[in-house]
Protein backbone atom coordinates (compact mmCIF):
# COMPACT_ATOMS: atom_id res chain seq x y z
CA MET A 1 -47.40 14.81 3.22
CA SER A 2 -44.02 13.89 4.74
CA THR A 3 -40.66 15.59 5.12
CA ARG A 4 -37.16 14.10 5.02
CA GLU A 5 -34.06 15.85 6.28
CA LEU A 6 -30.79 15.16 4.42
CA THR A 7 -27.25 16.43 4.33
CA CYS A 8 -26.24 17.11 0.76
CA ILE A 9 -23.14 15.37 -0.61
CA GLY A 10 -23.27 17.08 -4.02
CA CYS A 11 -20.47 19.50 -3.18
CA PRO A 12 -18.21 20.31 -0.19
CA LEU A 13 -20.72 22.69 1.45
CA GLY A 14 -22.83 19.89 2.99
CA CYS A 15 -26.09 21.84 3.00
CA SER A 16 -28.93 20.73 5.27
CA LEU A 17 -31.79 19.84 2.95
CA SER A 18 -35.46 19.47 3.66
CA VAL A 19 -37.43 17.42 1.15
CA THR A 20 -41.22 17.47 1.13
CA LEU A 21 -43.02 14.49 -0.39
CA GLU A 22 -46.65 14.00 -1.23
CA ASN A 23 -47.86 10.58 -2.42
CA GLY A 24 -44.24 9.53 -3.05
CA GLU A 25 -43.53 12.56 -5.25
CA VAL A 26 -41.11 15.34 -4.32
CA THR A 27 -43.01 18.61 -4.06
CA SER A 28 -40.19 20.82 -2.77
CA VAL A 29 -36.53 20.90 -1.78
CA THR A 30 -35.21 23.64 0.48
CA GLY A 31 -31.86 24.43 2.05
CA ASN A 32 -29.72 23.85 -1.02
CA THR A 33 -27.38 26.61 -2.13
CA CYS A 34 -26.72 25.16 -5.59
CA PRO A 35 -28.68 23.17 -8.20
CA ARG A 36 -26.75 20.00 -7.36
CA GLY A 37 -28.42 19.93 -3.95
CA ASP A 38 -31.87 19.92 -5.47
CA ALA A 39 -30.94 17.11 -7.89
CA TYR A 40 -29.26 15.06 -5.13
CA ALA A 41 -32.25 15.38 -2.79
CA ARG A 42 -34.79 14.37 -5.43
CA LYS A 43 -32.77 11.30 -6.43
CA GLU A 44 -31.92 10.29 -2.85
CA VAL A 45 -35.53 10.15 -1.69
CA THR A 46 -36.96 8.50 -4.80
CA ASN A 47 -34.18 6.26 -6.18
CA PRO A 48 -31.05 6.19 -3.97
CA THR A 49 -27.91 4.81 -5.63
CA ARG A 50 -24.29 4.34 -4.65
CA ILE A 51 -20.88 3.56 -6.13
CA VAL A 52 -19.54 0.44 -4.37
CA THR A 53 -15.81 0.08 -3.69
CA SER A 54 -14.02 -2.99 -2.38
CA THR A 55 -11.04 -5.25 -3.04
CA VAL A 56 -10.54 -8.67 -4.61
CA HIS A 57 -7.66 -11.12 -4.28
CA VAL A 58 -4.88 -11.21 -6.88
CA LYS A 59 -2.92 -14.33 -7.78
CA ASN A 60 0.71 -13.98 -8.96
CA GLY A 61 0.76 -10.22 -8.48
CA VAL A 62 3.11 -7.80 -6.77
CA SER A 63 0.17 -7.07 -4.47
CA ALA A 64 -2.23 -9.61 -2.98
CA MET A 65 -5.29 -7.39 -3.47
CA VAL A 66 -6.63 -4.98 -6.07
CA ASN A 67 -9.06 -2.14 -5.51
CA VAL A 68 -12.32 -2.54 -7.44
CA LYS A 69 -15.47 -0.48 -7.86
CA THR A 70 -18.74 -0.46 -9.70
CA ALA A 71 -18.40 1.21 -13.10
CA SER A 72 -21.40 3.39 -12.21
CA ASP A 73 -23.85 3.73 -9.36
CA ILE A 74 -26.18 0.86 -8.45
CA PRO A 75 -29.44 0.83 -6.49
CA LYS A 76 -28.73 1.18 -2.78
CA ASP A 77 -30.69 -1.98 -1.99
CA LYS A 78 -28.28 -4.02 -4.17
CA ILE A 79 -25.11 -3.12 -2.22
CA PHE A 80 -25.02 -6.28 -0.09
CA ASP A 81 -25.76 -8.46 -3.14
CA CYS A 82 -22.88 -6.76 -4.94
CA ILE A 83 -20.45 -7.38 -2.07
CA ALA A 84 -21.55 -11.02 -1.83
CA ALA A 85 -20.94 -11.47 -5.58
CA ILE A 86 -17.32 -10.25 -5.41
CA LYS A 87 -16.42 -11.79 -2.05
CA ASP A 88 -14.71 -14.91 -3.42
CA ILE A 89 -13.33 -13.56 -6.71
CA VAL A 90 -9.63 -14.12 -7.42
CA VAL A 91 -8.00 -12.51 -10.46
CA THR A 92 -4.61 -13.28 -11.98
CA ALA A 93 -2.04 -10.52 -12.49
CA PRO A 94 -1.42 -8.40 -14.43
CA VAL A 95 -4.48 -6.26 -13.76
CA ALA A 96 -4.99 -2.82 -15.34
CA ILE A 97 -7.21 0.04 -14.26
CA GLY A 98 -10.58 -0.38 -15.97
CA ASP A 99 -10.29 -4.15 -16.48
CA VAL A 100 -13.71 -5.74 -16.05
CA ILE A 101 -13.55 -8.06 -13.05
CA LEU A 102 -17.23 -9.09 -13.03
CA THR A 103 -19.98 -8.24 -15.51
CA ASN A 104 -23.55 -7.36 -14.54
CA VAL A 105 -22.98 -7.58 -10.80
CA ALA A 106 -26.08 -8.68 -8.89
CA GLY A 107 -28.22 -8.27 -12.01
CA THR A 108 -27.74 -4.49 -12.01
CA GLY A 109 -26.32 -4.21 -15.52
CA VAL A 110 -23.21 -2.60 -14.00
CA ASP A 111 -19.72 -4.11 -14.15
CA ILE A 112 -17.13 -4.34 -11.39
CA ILE A 113 -13.87 -2.83 -12.68
CA ALA A 114 -10.29 -2.65 -11.39
CA ALA A 115 -9.35 0.68 -9.86
CA LYS A 116 -5.60 0.04 -9.64
CA ASN A 117 -2.80 -1.46 -11.73
CA ILE A 118 -1.23 -4.63 -10.35
CA ALA A 119 1.82 -6.00 -12.12
CA ALA A 120 2.65 -9.71 -12.27
CA SER A 121 5.29 -10.85 -9.81
């Protein structure tokens, strides 16, 4: 049996969570003041995921960069692969929020999408 201590990010309270695991299975979560804390703790210790945000270069735009993000969360161990995949991408303006910049980033099945509008210059 092992215990992991976490700070919940499910809501603004930031509860201190204690997660007990036995044979890789969560047996209890304590310290949460809402159900989101329990769900966050169980997912974080068994299958941690993150939304990745970054920027890519824009050609012929009113701005040289556009904010991008993963359309949904990806496995935490794929973050560096995701960043490497978008590092050298250059898009041409105009760019609209939600435009797919890269499909299936790092084999995750998740797309990289624009998070800002960039007009052509």
